[in-house]
Amino acid sequence: MNDPYSKNPAKDVQNQELAQYIADMLIELRNMAKAAGLKTLLGLLEITFCEAFSIANKVEIPPGEIEKLRRLAKAAHEG
């Protein structure tokens, strides 16, 4: 019987590669949103890019940075 809690290194690598691809696509979309002046979309894409990047690179986003991104998204929504 397979242990559902055991690590699967091959799946981890596959997920990291997929997350990197998604991060690459998101940064392109983010740049397009910035160029078009779509502030709310820009903020959302930055947040999702950070999530994909952190998965791809196995890093945690510092709590202060997350709050900064939330403020950016809120300001974009209000502006």
N, C-alpha and C. Protein backbone atom coordinates (compact mmCIF):
# COMPACT_ATOMS: atom_id res chain seq x y z
N MET A 1 0.85 -1.18 0.00
CA MET A 1 0.00 0.00 0.00
C MET A 1 0.89 1.24 0.00
N ASN A 2 0.55 2.20 -0.82
CA ASN A 2 1.33 3.44 -0.90
C ASN A 2 1.00 4.36 0.26
N ASP A 3 2.03 4.96 0.80
CA ASP A 3 1.86 5.94 1.87
C ASP A 3 1.59 7.30 1.22
N PRO A 4 0.40 7.88 1.42
CA PRO A 4 0.08 9.15 0.76
C PRO A 4 0.92 10.32 1.27
N TYR A 5 1.62 10.12 2.38
CA TYR A 5 2.42 11.20 2.96
C TYR A 5 3.90 11.11 2.59
N SER A 6 4.26 10.09 1.83
CA SER A 6 5.66 9.97 1.44
C SER A 6 5.97 10.94 0.31
N LYS A 7 7.21 11.37 0.27
CA LYS A 7 7.66 12.32 -0.76
C LYS A 7 7.84 11.59 -2.08
N ASN A 8 7.55 12.32 -3.15
CA ASN A 8 7.77 11.81 -4.49
C ASN A 8 8.65 12.83 -5.21
N PRO A 9 9.97 12.62 -5.19
CA PRO A 9 10.88 13.61 -5.79
C PRO A 9 10.60 13.90 -7.26
N ALA A 10 10.22 12.89 -8.03
CA ALA A 10 9.94 13.11 -9.45
C ALA A 10 8.73 14.04 -9.62
N LYS A 11 7.72 13.85 -8.82
CA LYS A 11 6.53 14.72 -8.88
C LYS A 11 6.87 16.13 -8.42
N ASP A 12 7.73 16.24 -7.39
CA ASP A 12 8.15 17.56 -6.93
C ASP A 12 8.87 18.33 -8.03
N VAL A 13 9.76 17.66 -8.75
CA VAL A 13 10.50 18.29 -9.84
C VAL A 13 9.53 18.69 -10.95
N GLN A 14 8.60 17.81 -11.27
CA GLN A 14 7.61 18.11 -12.30
C GLN A 14 6.78 19.33 -11.90
N ASN A 15 6.35 19.39 -10.64
CA ASN A 15 5.58 20.53 -10.17
C ASN A 15 6.40 21.81 -10.20
N GLN A 16 7.68 21.73 -9.85
CA GLN A 16 8.55 22.91 -9.89
C GLN A 16 8.71 23.40 -11.32
N GLU A 17 8.89 22.49 -12.26
CA GLU A 17 9.04 22.88 -13.66
C GLU A 17 7.75 23.52 -14.18
N LEU A 18 6.61 22.96 -13.82
CA LEU A 18 5.33 23.52 -14.22
C LEU A 18 5.15 24.92 -13.62
N ALA A 19 5.48 25.05 -12.35
CA ALA A 19 5.36 26.36 -11.69
C ALA A 19 6.28 27.38 -12.34
N GLN A 20 7.47 26.97 -12.76
CA GLN A 20 8.38 27.90 -13.44
C GLN A 20 7.80 28.35 -14.77
N TYR A 21 7.21 27.43 -15.50
CA TYR A 21 6.58 27.79 -16.77
C TYR A 21 5.44 28.77 -16.54
N ILE A 22 4.62 28.50 -15.54
CA ILE A 22 3.51 29.40 -15.21
C ILE A 22 4.05 30.77 -14.81
N ALA A 23 5.11 30.80 -13.99
CA ALA A 23 5.72 32.08 -13.58
C ALA A 23 6.20 32.85 -14.80
N ASP A 24 6.81 32.16 -15.75
CA ASP A 24 7.29 32.83 -16.97
C ASP A 24 6.13 33.45 -17.75
N MET A 25 5.02 32.72 -17.85
CA MET A 25 3.85 33.25 -18.55
C MET A 25 3.25 34.44 -17.79
N LEU A 26 3.19 34.32 -16.47
CA LEU A 26 2.61 35.38 -15.66
C LEU A 26 3.41 36.68 -15.75
N ILE A 27 4.73 36.57 -15.79
CA ILE A 27 5.54 37.81 -15.86
C ILE A 27 5.30 38.51 -17.19
N GLU A 28 5.09 37.74 -18.25
CA GLU A 28 4.78 38.34 -19.55
C GLU A 28 3.41 39.03 -19.49
N LEU A 29 2.43 38.37 -18.91
CA LEU A 29 1.09 38.97 -18.77
C LEU A 29 1.14 40.20 -17.88
N ARG A 30 1.94 40.14 -16.82
CA ARG A 30 2.10 41.27 -15.91
C ARG A 30 2.66 42.48 -16.67
N ASN A 31 3.66 42.24 -17.48
CA ASN A 31 4.26 43.33 -18.26
C ASN A 31 3.25 43.93 -19.24
N MET A 32 2.42 43.09 -19.83
CA MET A 32 1.39 43.58 -20.74
C MET A 32 0.36 44.42 -19.99
N ALA A 33 -0.05 43.96 -18.81
CA ALA A 33 -1.02 44.70 -18.00
C ALA A 33 -0.44 46.04 -17.57
N LYS A 34 0.85 46.06 -17.22
CA LYS A 34 1.50 47.30 -16.81
C LYS A 34 1.54 48.28 -17.98
N ALA A 35 1.91 47.80 -19.16
CA ALA A 35 2.00 48.65 -20.34
C ALA A 35 0.63 49.23 -20.71
N ALA A 36 -0.42 48.46 -20.44
CA ALA A 36 -1.77 48.91 -20.78
C ALA A 36 -2.41 49.75 -19.68
N GLY A 37 -1.72 49.86 -18.53
CA GLY A 37 -2.26 50.65 -17.42
C GLY A 37 -3.39 49.97 -16.68
N LEU A 38 -3.42 48.65 -16.72
CA LEU A 38 -4.47 47.88 -16.04
C LEU A 38 -4.01 47.57 -14.62
N LYS A 39 -4.20 48.54 -13.73
CA LYS A 39 -3.61 48.47 -12.40
C LYS A 39 -4.11 47.32 -11.55
N THR A 40 -5.40 47.06 -11.54
CA THR A 40 -5.92 45.96 -10.73
C THR A 40 -5.38 44.63 -11.23
N LEU A 41 -5.44 44.44 -12.52
CA LEU A 41 -4.92 43.22 -13.12
C LEU A 41 -3.42 43.08 -12.87
N LEU A 42 -2.70 44.18 -12.95
CA LEU A 42 -1.27 44.18 -12.67
C LEU A 42 -0.99 43.65 -11.27
N GLY A 43 -1.72 44.16 -10.29
CA GLY A 43 -1.52 43.72 -8.91
C GLY A 43 -1.82 42.24 -8.73
N LEU A 44 -2.89 41.78 -9.33
CA LEU A 44 -3.25 40.36 -9.22
C LEU A 44 -2.21 39.47 -9.89
N LEU A 45 -1.73 39.90 -11.04
CA LEU A 45 -0.71 39.11 -11.73
C LEU A 45 0.60 39.08 -10.95
N GLU A 46 0.95 40.17 -10.27
CA GLU A 46 2.16 40.18 -9.46
C GLU A 46 2.04 39.20 -8.30
N ILE A 47 0.87 39.15 -7.68
CA ILE A 47 0.67 38.22 -6.57
C ILE A 47 0.76 36.78 -7.06
N THR A 48 0.11 36.48 -8.18
CA THR A 48 0.14 35.11 -8.68
C THR A 48 1.53 34.74 -9.19
N PHE A 49 2.25 35.70 -9.75
CA PHE A 49 3.63 35.43 -10.16
C PHE A 49 4.47 35.05 -8.94
N CYS A 50 4.33 35.80 -7.85
CA CYS A 50 5.11 35.50 -6.65
C CYS A 50 4.81 34.10 -6.13
N GLU A 51 3.56 33.69 -6.18
CA GLU A 51 3.18 32.35 -5.73
C GLU A 51 3.83 31.29 -6.62
N ALA A 52 3.71 31.44 -7.94
CA ALA A 52 4.31 30.47 -8.86
C ALA A 52 5.83 30.45 -8.72
N PHE A 53 6.43 31.63 -8.59
CA PHE A 53 7.89 31.72 -8.44
C PHE A 53 8.34 31.03 -7.16
N SER A 54 7.60 31.21 -6.08
CA SER A 54 8.01 30.60 -4.81
C SER A 54 7.91 29.08 -4.88
N ILE A 55 6.92 28.56 -5.59
CA ILE A 55 6.81 27.11 -5.76
C ILE A 55 7.94 26.60 -6.64
N ALA A 56 8.20 27.31 -7.73
CA ALA A 56 9.24 26.89 -8.67
C ALA A 56 10.62 26.91 -8.03
N ASN A 57 10.84 27.83 -7.11
CA ASN A 57 12.17 27.99 -6.51
C ASN A 57 12.21 27.59 -5.05
N LYS A 58 11.16 26.97 -4.58
CA LYS A 58 11.08 26.47 -3.20
C LYS A 58 11.50 27.52 -2.19
N VAL A 59 10.93 28.70 -2.32
CA VAL A 59 11.19 29.77 -1.36
C VAL A 59 9.86 30.25 -0.81
N GLU A 60 9.92 30.81 0.36
CA GLU A 60 8.74 31.42 0.94
C GLU A 60 8.82 32.93 0.74
N ILE A 61 7.69 33.52 0.43
CA ILE A 61 7.64 34.98 0.29
C ILE A 61 7.61 35.57 1.68
N PRO A 62 8.50 36.51 1.99
CA PRO A 62 8.50 37.12 3.32
C PRO A 62 7.17 37.78 3.63
N PRO A 63 6.69 37.68 4.87
CA PRO A 63 5.39 38.26 5.22
C PRO A 63 5.28 39.74 4.87
N GLY A 64 6.32 40.51 5.04
CA GLY A 64 6.27 41.93 4.69
C GLY A 64 6.04 42.14 3.21
N GLU A 65 6.59 41.28 2.39
CA GLU A 65 6.43 41.40 0.94
C GLU A 65 5.00 41.07 0.53
N ILE A 66 4.41 40.08 1.18
CA ILE A 66 3.03 39.74 0.88
C ILE A 66 2.13 40.92 1.20
N GLU A 67 2.36 41.55 2.34
CA GLU A 67 1.56 42.72 2.72
C GLU A 67 1.74 43.86 1.72
N LYS A 68 2.96 44.03 1.24
CA LYS A 68 3.24 45.06 0.23
C LYS A 68 2.43 44.79 -1.04
N LEU A 69 2.37 43.53 -1.45
CA LEU A 69 1.62 43.17 -2.65
C LEU A 69 0.12 43.37 -2.44
N ARG A 70 -0.36 43.08 -1.23
CA ARG A 70 -1.78 43.30 -0.94
C ARG A 70 -2.12 44.79 -1.00
N ARG A 71 -1.23 45.63 -0.46
CA ARG A 71 -1.46 47.07 -0.51
C ARG A 71 -1.45 47.55 -1.97
N LEU A 72 -0.54 47.02 -2.76
CA LEU A 72 -0.47 47.38 -4.17
C LEU A 72 -1.77 47.01 -4.89
N ALA A 73 -2.25 45.80 -4.64
CA ALA A 73 -3.49 45.36 -5.28
C ALA A 73 -4.66 46.23 -4.83
N LYS A 74 -4.72 46.57 -3.55
CA LYS A 74 -5.80 47.41 -3.03
C LYS A 74 -5.74 48.81 -3.65
N ALA A 75 -4.53 49.38 -3.72
CA ALA A 75 -4.36 50.71 -4.30
C ALA A 75 -4.75 50.70 -5.79
N ALA A 76 -4.40 49.63 -6.48
CA ALA A 76 -4.75 49.53 -7.89
C ALA A 76 -6.26 49.44 -8.06
N HIS A 77 -6.90 48.74 -7.14
CA HIS A 77 -8.35 48.60 -7.21
C HIS A 77 -9.06 49.92 -6.92
N GLU A 78 -8.51 50.69 -6.00
CA GLU A 78 -9.10 51.97 -5.62
C GLU A 78 -8.83 53.06 -6.65
N GLY A 79 -7.66 52.93 -7.35
CA GLY A 79 -7.22 53.98 -8.27
C GLY A 79 -7.84 53.84 -9.58
